[in-house]
């Protein structure tokens, strides 16, 4: 049953429906139903704007963090490669410097010039001290003149 009812606020007639099972109960006016749909639409639009904002923030943050992490990986790789190069250079250069030091040592030069067959204790002590000082597994000396080890 559709009837017209005078609305007090605007002094206009607004249609409304009565339920067939409950004749004294007003199910709802059409204007209220339209207002409900309008408010639902507004809520839906606001919710979509909020969701779009979260998605946009996520995409922007993801891209910026991705670029930052990519740059950090590049920097860490360079640092590690420099460190590995330095360690390898240390392992290879240190024995060369020790051998250069031994070659220019006045004690070793004098001992090689005189090179006594029977007295090897002084040079053995010297080589032992070099071995202990630099934590080498062995230290040796070969004479160029006699090829003695």
N, C-alpha and C. Protein backbone atom coordinates (compact mmCIF):
# COMPACT_ATOMS: atom_id res chain seq x y z
N UNK A 1 0.86 -1.16 0.00
CA UNK A 1 0.00 0.00 0.00
C UNK A 1 0.90 1.22 0.00
N UNK A 2 0.74 2.05 -0.96
CA UNK A 2 1.53 3.27 -1.04
C UNK A 2 0.61 4.43 -0.72
N UNK A 3 1.03 5.29 0.16
CA UNK A 3 0.21 6.44 0.56
C UNK A 3 1.10 7.67 0.59
N UNK A 4 0.48 8.82 0.64
CA UNK A 4 1.23 10.06 0.74
C UNK A 4 1.10 10.59 2.15
N UNK A 5 2.17 11.11 2.66
CA UNK A 5 2.17 11.64 4.01
C UNK A 5 2.80 13.02 3.98
N UNK A 6 2.26 13.94 4.77
CA UNK A 6 2.78 15.30 4.81
C UNK A 6 4.03 15.30 5.68
N UNK A 7 5.08 15.79 5.12
CA UNK A 7 6.34 15.88 5.85
C UNK A 7 6.38 17.25 6.49
N UNK A 8 6.59 17.32 7.80
CA UNK A 8 6.48 18.57 8.55
C UNK A 8 7.57 19.57 8.22
N UNK A 9 8.76 19.12 7.91
CA UNK A 9 9.88 20.03 7.75
C UNK A 9 9.73 20.86 6.49
N UNK A 10 9.41 20.23 5.38
CA UNK A 10 9.35 20.94 4.11
C UNK A 10 7.93 21.22 3.64
N UNK A 11 6.90 20.76 4.42
CA UNK A 11 5.50 20.88 4.05
C UNK A 11 5.23 20.31 2.66
N UNK A 12 5.83 19.14 2.42
CA UNK A 12 5.60 18.45 1.15
C UNK A 12 5.11 17.06 1.45
N UNK A 13 4.54 16.46 0.44
CA UNK A 13 4.07 15.09 0.59
C UNK A 13 5.18 14.14 0.18
N UNK A 14 5.44 13.14 1.05
CA UNK A 14 6.48 12.14 0.78
C UNK A 14 5.80 10.78 0.79
N UNK A 15 6.00 9.98 -0.25
CA UNK A 15 5.39 8.65 -0.25
C UNK A 15 6.08 7.74 0.76
N UNK A 16 5.31 6.86 1.34
CA UNK A 16 5.89 5.87 2.25
C UNK A 16 5.13 4.57 2.08
N UNK A 17 5.68 3.46 2.57
CA UNK A 17 5.09 2.14 2.41
C UNK A 17 4.73 1.57 3.77
N UNK A 18 3.60 0.87 3.76
CA UNK A 18 3.25 0.10 4.94
C UNK A 18 3.40 -1.37 4.60
N UNK A 19 3.85 -2.13 5.54
CA UNK A 19 4.02 -3.55 5.33
C UNK A 19 2.67 -4.23 5.36
N UNK A 20 2.50 -5.24 4.53
CA UNK A 20 1.24 -5.97 4.50
C UNK A 20 1.09 -6.83 5.75
N UNK A 21 2.18 -7.34 6.27
CA UNK A 21 2.07 -8.18 7.47
C UNK A 21 1.92 -7.34 8.72
N UNK A 22 2.51 -6.14 8.75
CA UNK A 22 2.38 -5.24 9.88
C UNK A 22 1.78 -3.94 9.38
N UNK A 23 0.47 -3.81 9.34
CA UNK A 23 -0.14 -2.63 8.70
C UNK A 23 0.13 -1.32 9.42
N UNK A 24 0.41 -1.34 10.72
CA UNK A 24 0.64 -0.09 11.43
C UNK A 24 2.10 0.34 11.43
N UNK A 25 2.94 -0.45 10.85
CA UNK A 25 4.38 -0.17 10.87
C UNK A 25 4.82 0.39 9.53
N UNK A 26 5.54 1.50 9.57
CA UNK A 26 6.06 2.11 8.35
C UNK A 26 7.40 1.46 8.06
N UNK A 27 7.52 0.87 6.88
CA UNK A 27 8.75 0.18 6.52
C UNK A 27 9.84 1.20 6.24
N UNK A 28 9.55 2.26 5.64
CA UNK A 28 10.54 3.29 5.39
C UNK A 28 10.10 4.16 4.25
N UNK A 29 10.44 5.39 4.32
CA UNK A 29 10.04 6.26 3.23
C UNK A 29 11.08 6.17 2.13
N UNK A 30 10.66 6.56 0.95
CA UNK A 30 11.58 6.49 -0.18
C UNK A 30 12.74 7.46 -0.03
N UNK A 31 12.46 8.61 0.57
CA UNK A 31 13.54 9.58 0.73
C UNK A 31 14.59 9.07 1.72
N UNK A 32 14.14 8.37 2.74
CA UNK A 32 15.10 7.82 3.70
C UNK A 32 15.92 6.74 3.02
N UNK A 33 15.24 5.93 2.20
CA UNK A 33 15.98 4.90 1.47
C UNK A 33 17.00 5.53 0.53
N UNK A 34 16.62 6.58 -0.15
CA UNK A 34 17.57 7.27 -1.02
C UNK A 34 18.72 7.86 -0.21
N UNK A 35 18.43 8.42 0.96
CA UNK A 35 19.49 8.97 1.82
C UNK A 35 20.43 7.87 2.29
N UNK A 36 19.86 6.69 2.55
CA UNK A 36 20.71 5.57 2.95
C UNK A 36 21.66 5.20 1.83
N UNK A 37 21.14 5.14 0.59
CA UNK A 37 22.01 4.82 -0.54
C UNK A 37 23.05 5.91 -0.78
N UNK A 38 22.65 7.15 -0.60
CA UNK A 38 23.60 8.24 -0.76
C UNK A 38 24.69 8.17 0.30
N UNK A 39 24.31 7.93 1.55
CA UNK A 39 25.32 7.84 2.61
C UNK A 39 26.20 6.61 2.40
N UNK A 40 25.63 5.52 1.90
CA UNK A 40 26.44 4.33 1.60
C UNK A 40 27.42 4.64 0.48
N UNK A 41 26.99 5.40 -0.51
CA UNK A 41 27.88 5.79 -1.60
C UNK A 41 29.00 6.67 -1.11
N UNK A 42 28.70 7.60 -0.22
CA UNK A 42 29.73 8.47 0.34
C UNK A 42 30.72 7.65 1.15
N UNK A 43 30.21 6.74 1.95
CA UNK A 43 31.09 5.88 2.75
C UNK A 43 31.96 5.03 1.84
N UNK A 44 31.35 4.51 0.77
CA UNK A 44 32.11 3.70 -0.17
C UNK A 44 33.21 4.52 -0.85
N UNK A 45 32.91 5.74 -1.24
CA UNK A 45 33.90 6.60 -1.89
C UNK A 45 35.04 6.93 -0.92
N UNK A 46 34.70 7.25 0.32
CA UNK A 46 35.73 7.55 1.33
C UNK A 46 36.60 6.32 1.58
N UNK A 47 35.96 5.15 1.68
CA UNK A 47 36.73 3.92 1.89
C UNK A 47 37.66 3.65 0.71
N UNK A 48 37.19 3.86 -0.51
CA UNK A 48 38.04 3.65 -1.68
C UNK A 48 39.20 4.64 -1.72
N UNK A 49 38.95 5.89 -1.32
CA UNK A 49 40.03 6.88 -1.27
C UNK A 49 41.07 6.48 -0.23
N UNK A 50 40.63 6.00 0.91
CA UNK A 50 41.57 5.56 1.96
C UNK A 50 42.37 4.36 1.47
N UNK A 51 41.70 3.40 0.85
CA UNK A 51 42.40 2.21 0.34
C UNK A 51 43.40 2.62 -0.74
N UNK A 52 42.99 3.52 -1.63
CA UNK A 52 43.90 3.99 -2.67
C UNK A 52 45.10 4.70 -2.06
N UNK A 53 44.89 5.45 -0.99
CA UNK A 53 46.01 6.11 -0.31
C UNK A 53 46.98 5.11 0.29
N UNK A 54 46.44 4.06 0.90
CA UNK A 54 47.33 3.03 1.47
C UNK A 54 48.10 2.31 0.37
N UNK A 55 47.43 2.00 -0.73
CA UNK A 55 48.11 1.32 -1.83
C UNK A 55 49.20 2.22 -2.42
N UNK A 56 48.89 3.49 -2.61
CA UNK A 56 49.89 4.42 -3.15
C UNK A 56 51.08 4.56 -2.20
N UNK A 57 50.82 4.66 -0.90
CA UNK A 57 51.91 4.76 0.08
C UNK A 57 52.75 3.49 0.06
N UNK A 58 52.11 2.33 -0.06
CA UNK A 58 52.84 1.07 -0.11
C UNK A 58 53.74 1.02 -1.34
N UNK A 59 53.21 1.41 -2.49
CA UNK A 59 53.99 1.36 -3.72
C UNK A 59 55.17 2.33 -3.65
N UNK A 60 54.94 3.52 -3.15
CA UNK A 60 56.03 4.51 -3.05
C UNK A 60 57.09 4.02 -2.07
N UNK A 61 56.67 3.51 -0.91
CA UNK A 61 57.64 3.01 0.07
C UNK A 61 58.40 1.81 -0.46
N UNK A 62 57.70 0.92 -1.15
CA UNK A 62 58.36 -0.27 -1.71
C UNK A 62 59.43 0.14 -2.70
N UNK A 63 59.10 1.06 -3.59
CA UNK A 63 60.08 1.49 -4.60
C UNK A 63 61.27 2.20 -3.96
N UNK A 64 61.03 3.04 -2.97
CA UNK A 64 62.15 3.74 -2.34
C UNK A 64 63.02 2.78 -1.54
N UNK A 65 62.40 1.86 -0.80
CA UNK A 65 63.19 0.88 -0.06
C UNK A 65 63.94 -0.05 -0.99
N UNK A 66 63.32 -0.41 -2.11
CA UNK A 66 63.98 -1.29 -3.08
C UNK A 66 65.23 -0.62 -3.63
N UNK A 67 65.12 0.67 -3.98
CA UNK A 67 66.27 1.40 -4.50
C UNK A 67 67.36 1.53 -3.43
N UNK A 68 66.96 1.78 -2.19
CA UNK A 68 67.93 1.91 -1.09
C UNK A 68 68.64 0.59 -0.84
N UNK A 69 67.89 -0.48 -0.82
CA UNK A 69 68.49 -1.80 -0.57
C UNK A 69 69.42 -2.18 -1.72
N UNK A 70 69.03 -1.86 -2.94
CA UNK A 70 69.88 -2.15 -4.09
C UNK A 70 71.20 -1.39 -3.99
N UNK A 71 71.14 -0.13 -3.60
CA UNK A 71 72.35 0.67 -3.42
C UNK A 71 73.21 0.12 -2.28
N UNK A 72 72.57 -0.30 -1.18
CA UNK A 72 73.32 -0.87 -0.05
C UNK A 72 74.02 -2.16 -0.45
N UNK A 73 73.35 -2.99 -1.24
CA UNK A 73 73.97 -4.24 -1.70
C UNK A 73 75.19 -3.93 -2.56
N UNK A 74 75.07 -2.92 -3.42
CA UNK A 74 76.21 -2.53 -4.25
C UNK A 74 77.37 -2.04 -3.38
N UNK A 75 77.07 -1.21 -2.38
CA UNK A 75 78.12 -0.69 -1.50
C UNK A 75 78.77 -1.80 -0.69
N UNK A 76 77.95 -2.72 -0.17
CA UNK A 76 78.50 -3.83 0.62
C UNK A 76 79.37 -4.73 -0.24
N UNK A 77 78.96 -4.96 -1.48
CA UNK A 77 79.76 -5.78 -2.39
C UNK A 77 81.11 -5.13 -2.67
N UNK A 78 81.10 -3.83 -2.90
CA UNK A 78 82.37 -3.12 -3.11
C UNK A 78 83.26 -3.21 -1.88
N UNK A 79 82.66 -3.04 -0.71
CA UNK A 79 83.43 -3.09 0.54
C UNK A 79 84.03 -4.48 0.76
N UNK A 80 83.23 -5.50 0.52
CA UNK A 80 83.73 -6.87 0.72
C UNK A 80 84.83 -7.18 -0.28
N UNK A 81 84.66 -6.78 -1.53
CA UNK A 81 85.70 -7.05 -2.52
C UNK A 81 86.99 -6.32 -2.17
N UNK A 82 86.88 -5.09 -1.66
CA UNK A 82 88.07 -4.36 -1.23
C UNK A 82 88.74 -5.05 -0.05
N UNK A 83 87.93 -5.54 0.88
CA UNK A 83 88.48 -6.23 2.05
C UNK A 83 89.16 -7.53 1.64
N UNK A 84 88.55 -8.29 0.74
CA UNK A 84 89.16 -9.55 0.29
C UNK A 84 90.47 -9.26 -0.44
N UNK A 85 90.46 -8.25 -1.30
CA UNK A 85 91.70 -7.87 -2.00
C UNK A 85 92.79 -7.49 -1.01
N UNK A 86 92.43 -6.74 0.01
CA UNK A 86 93.40 -6.32 1.01
C UNK A 86 93.98 -7.51 1.77
N UNK A 87 93.11 -8.46 2.12
CA UNK A 87 93.59 -9.65 2.84
C UNK A 87 94.52 -10.48 1.98
N UNK A 88 94.16 -10.66 0.71
CA UNK A 88 95.02 -11.43 -0.19
C UNK A 88 96.35 -10.72 -0.39
N UNK A 89 96.30 -9.41 -0.56
CA UNK A 89 97.53 -8.64 -0.72
C UNK A 89 98.39 -8.74 0.52
N UNK A 90 97.77 -8.68 1.70
CA UNK A 90 98.51 -8.82 2.95
C UNK A 90 99.22 -10.16 3.02
N UNK A 91 98.51 -11.22 2.65
CA UNK A 91 99.11 -12.55 2.72
C UNK A 91 100.26 -12.72 1.73
N UNK A 92 100.17 -12.05 0.59
CA UNK A 92 101.23 -12.20 -0.42
C UNK A 92 102.38 -11.22 -0.24
N UNK A 93 102.11 -10.03 0.24
CA UNK A 93 103.13 -8.99 0.32
C UNK A 93 104.00 -9.14 1.58
N UNK A 94 103.41 -9.59 2.66
CA UNK A 94 104.16 -9.70 3.93
C UNK A 94 105.40 -10.58 3.80
N UNK A 95 105.31 -11.78 3.20
CA UNK A 95 106.54 -12.58 3.07
C UNK A 95 107.59 -11.91 2.18
N UNK A 96 107.14 -11.16 1.18
CA UNK A 96 108.11 -10.47 0.32
C UNK A 96 108.85 -9.40 1.12
N UNK A 97 108.14 -8.67 1.95
CA UNK A 97 108.79 -7.65 2.78
C UNK A 97 109.75 -8.28 3.78
N UNK A 98 109.38 -9.40 4.34
CA UNK A 98 110.27 -10.07 5.29
C UNK A 98 111.53 -10.55 4.58
N UNK A 99 111.38 -11.09 3.37
CA UNK A 99 112.57 -11.55 2.64
C UNK A 99 113.45 -10.37 2.21
N UNK A 100 112.82 -9.23 1.87
CA UNK A 100 113.62 -8.05 1.56
C UNK A 100 114.37 -7.54 2.79
N UNK A 101 113.70 -7.60 3.93
CA UNK A 101 114.35 -7.20 5.18
C UNK A 101 115.53 -8.11 5.49
N UNK A 102 115.33 -9.41 5.29
CA UNK A 102 116.43 -10.36 5.53
C UNK A 102 117.57 -10.13 4.54
N UNK A 103 117.25 -9.83 3.28
CA UNK A 103 118.30 -9.63 2.27
C UNK A 103 119.13 -8.39 2.56
N UNK A 104 118.53 -7.40 3.20
CA UNK A 104 119.27 -6.16 3.51
C UNK A 104 119.80 -6.11 4.94
N UNK A 105 119.63 -7.18 5.69
CA UNK A 105 120.11 -7.23 7.07
C UNK A 105 121.62 -7.40 7.06
N UNK A 106 122.31 -6.57 7.84
CA UNK A 106 123.78 -6.61 7.86
C UNK A 106 124.30 -7.92 8.45
N UNK A 107 123.60 -8.47 9.43
CA UNK A 107 124.03 -9.74 10.02
C UNK A 107 124.01 -10.85 8.98
N UNK A 108 122.93 -10.92 8.20
CA UNK A 108 122.81 -11.98 7.19
C UNK A 108 123.85 -11.77 6.09
N UNK A 109 124.08 -10.53 5.68
CA UNK A 109 125.09 -10.25 4.65
C UNK A 109 126.47 -10.69 5.13
N UNK A 110 126.79 -10.34 6.37
CA UNK A 110 128.10 -10.71 6.92
C UNK A 110 128.23 -12.22 7.04
N UNK A 111 127.19 -12.89 7.49
CA UNK A 111 127.27 -14.34 7.65
C UNK A 111 127.43 -15.02 6.30
N UNK A 112 126.72 -14.52 5.26
CA UNK A 112 126.84 -15.12 3.94
C UNK A 112 128.21 -14.87 3.31
N UNK A 113 128.82 -13.74 3.62
CA UNK A 113 130.16 -13.47 3.10
C UNK A 113 131.18 -14.41 3.71
N UNK A 114 131.06 -14.65 5.00
CA UNK A 114 132.02 -15.52 5.69
C UNK A 114 131.61 -16.97 5.58
N UNK A 115 130.36 -17.29 5.70
CA UNK A 115 129.73 -18.60 5.56
C UNK A 115 130.60 -19.73 6.13
N UNK A 116 130.58 -19.82 7.43
CA UNK A 116 131.35 -20.87 8.11
C UNK A 116 130.55 -22.16 8.06
N UNK A 117 131.21 -23.21 7.68
CA UNK A 117 130.55 -24.52 7.57
C UNK A 117 130.13 -25.05 8.93
N UNK A 118 130.95 -24.91 9.93
CA UNK A 118 130.69 -25.52 11.21
C UNK A 118 129.78 -24.70 12.12
N UNK A 119 129.71 -23.38 11.97
CA UNK A 119 128.97 -22.53 12.88
C UNK A 119 127.65 -22.08 12.24
N UNK A 120 126.64 -22.90 12.37
CA UNK A 120 125.31 -22.56 11.84
C UNK A 120 124.33 -22.17 12.95
N UNK A 121 124.80 -22.13 14.20
CA UNK A 121 123.88 -21.85 15.30
C UNK A 121 123.39 -20.40 15.27
N UNK A 122 124.25 -19.47 14.91
CA UNK A 122 123.83 -18.06 14.92
C UNK A 122 122.77 -17.80 13.83
N UNK A 123 122.98 -18.33 12.63
CA UNK A 123 121.99 -18.12 11.57
C UNK A 123 120.73 -18.93 11.85
N UNK A 124 120.85 -20.08 12.48
CA UNK A 124 119.67 -20.89 12.85
C UNK A 124 118.83 -20.14 13.88
N UNK A 125 119.49 -19.51 14.84
CA UNK A 125 118.76 -18.72 15.83
C UNK A 125 118.06 -17.53 15.18
N UNK A 126 118.77 -16.90 14.23
CA UNK A 126 118.17 -15.77 13.51
C UNK A 126 116.93 -16.21 12.74
N UNK A 127 117.01 -17.30 12.00
CA UNK A 127 115.87 -17.81 11.23
C UNK A 127 114.73 -18.26 12.14
N UNK A 128 115.08 -18.84 13.27
CA UNK A 128 114.06 -19.25 14.25
C UNK A 128 113.32 -18.04 14.81
N UNK A 129 114.06 -16.97 15.06
CA UNK A 129 113.40 -15.76 15.57
C UNK A 129 112.49 -15.14 14.51
N UNK A 130 112.89 -15.15 13.25
CA UNK A 130 112.04 -14.65 12.15
C UNK A 130 110.77 -15.50 12.06
N UNK A 131 110.93 -16.81 12.14
CA UNK A 131 109.79 -17.73 12.06
C UNK A 131 108.80 -17.48 13.20
N UNK A 132 109.30 -17.28 14.40
CA UNK A 132 108.42 -17.04 15.56
C UNK A 132 107.79 -15.65 15.52
N UNK A 133 108.55 -14.67 15.08
CA UNK A 133 108.06 -13.29 15.08
C UNK A 133 106.89 -13.12 14.12
N UNK A 134 106.98 -13.71 12.93
CA UNK A 134 105.94 -13.53 11.92
C UNK A 134 104.97 -14.72 11.82
N UNK A 135 105.09 -15.69 12.73
CA UNK A 135 104.22 -16.87 12.78
C UNK A 135 104.23 -17.66 11.47
N UNK A 136 105.42 -17.87 10.94
CA UNK A 136 105.56 -18.68 9.73
C UNK A 136 105.76 -20.13 10.11
N UNK A 137 105.44 -21.01 9.17
CA UNK A 137 105.67 -22.43 9.43
C UNK A 137 107.15 -22.78 9.25
N UNK A 138 107.85 -22.02 8.41
CA UNK A 138 109.29 -22.24 8.24
C UNK A 138 109.96 -20.96 7.77
N UNK A 139 111.24 -20.86 8.03
CA UNK A 139 112.06 -19.76 7.54
C UNK A 139 113.39 -20.37 7.12
N UNK A 140 113.84 -20.03 5.95
CA UNK A 140 115.07 -20.64 5.45
C UNK A 140 115.91 -19.62 4.71
N UNK A 141 117.17 -20.01 4.47
CA UNK A 141 118.14 -19.15 3.80
C UNK A 141 118.98 -20.05 2.91
N UNK A 142 119.15 -19.63 1.65
CA UNK A 142 119.97 -20.40 0.70
C UNK A 142 121.07 -19.48 0.20
N UNK A 143 122.29 -19.97 0.28
CA UNK A 143 123.44 -19.21 -0.16
C UNK A 143 123.53 -19.29 -1.68
N UNK A 144 123.74 -18.14 -2.34
CA UNK A 144 123.88 -18.12 -3.80
C UNK A 144 125.24 -18.65 -4.23
N UNK A 145 126.24 -18.49 -3.34
CA UNK A 145 127.59 -18.94 -3.70
C UNK A 145 127.72 -20.46 -3.61
N UNK A 146 127.32 -21.04 -2.48
CA UNK A 146 127.53 -22.48 -2.25
C UNK A 146 126.25 -23.29 -2.44
N UNK A 147 125.11 -22.65 -2.61
CA UNK A 147 123.79 -23.30 -2.73
C UNK A 147 123.47 -24.17 -1.52
N UNK A 148 124.04 -23.81 -0.37
CA UNK A 148 123.72 -24.53 0.87
C UNK A 148 122.38 -24.02 1.40
N UNK A 149 121.63 -24.93 1.98
CA UNK A 149 120.31 -24.65 2.50
C UNK A 149 120.41 -24.47 3.99
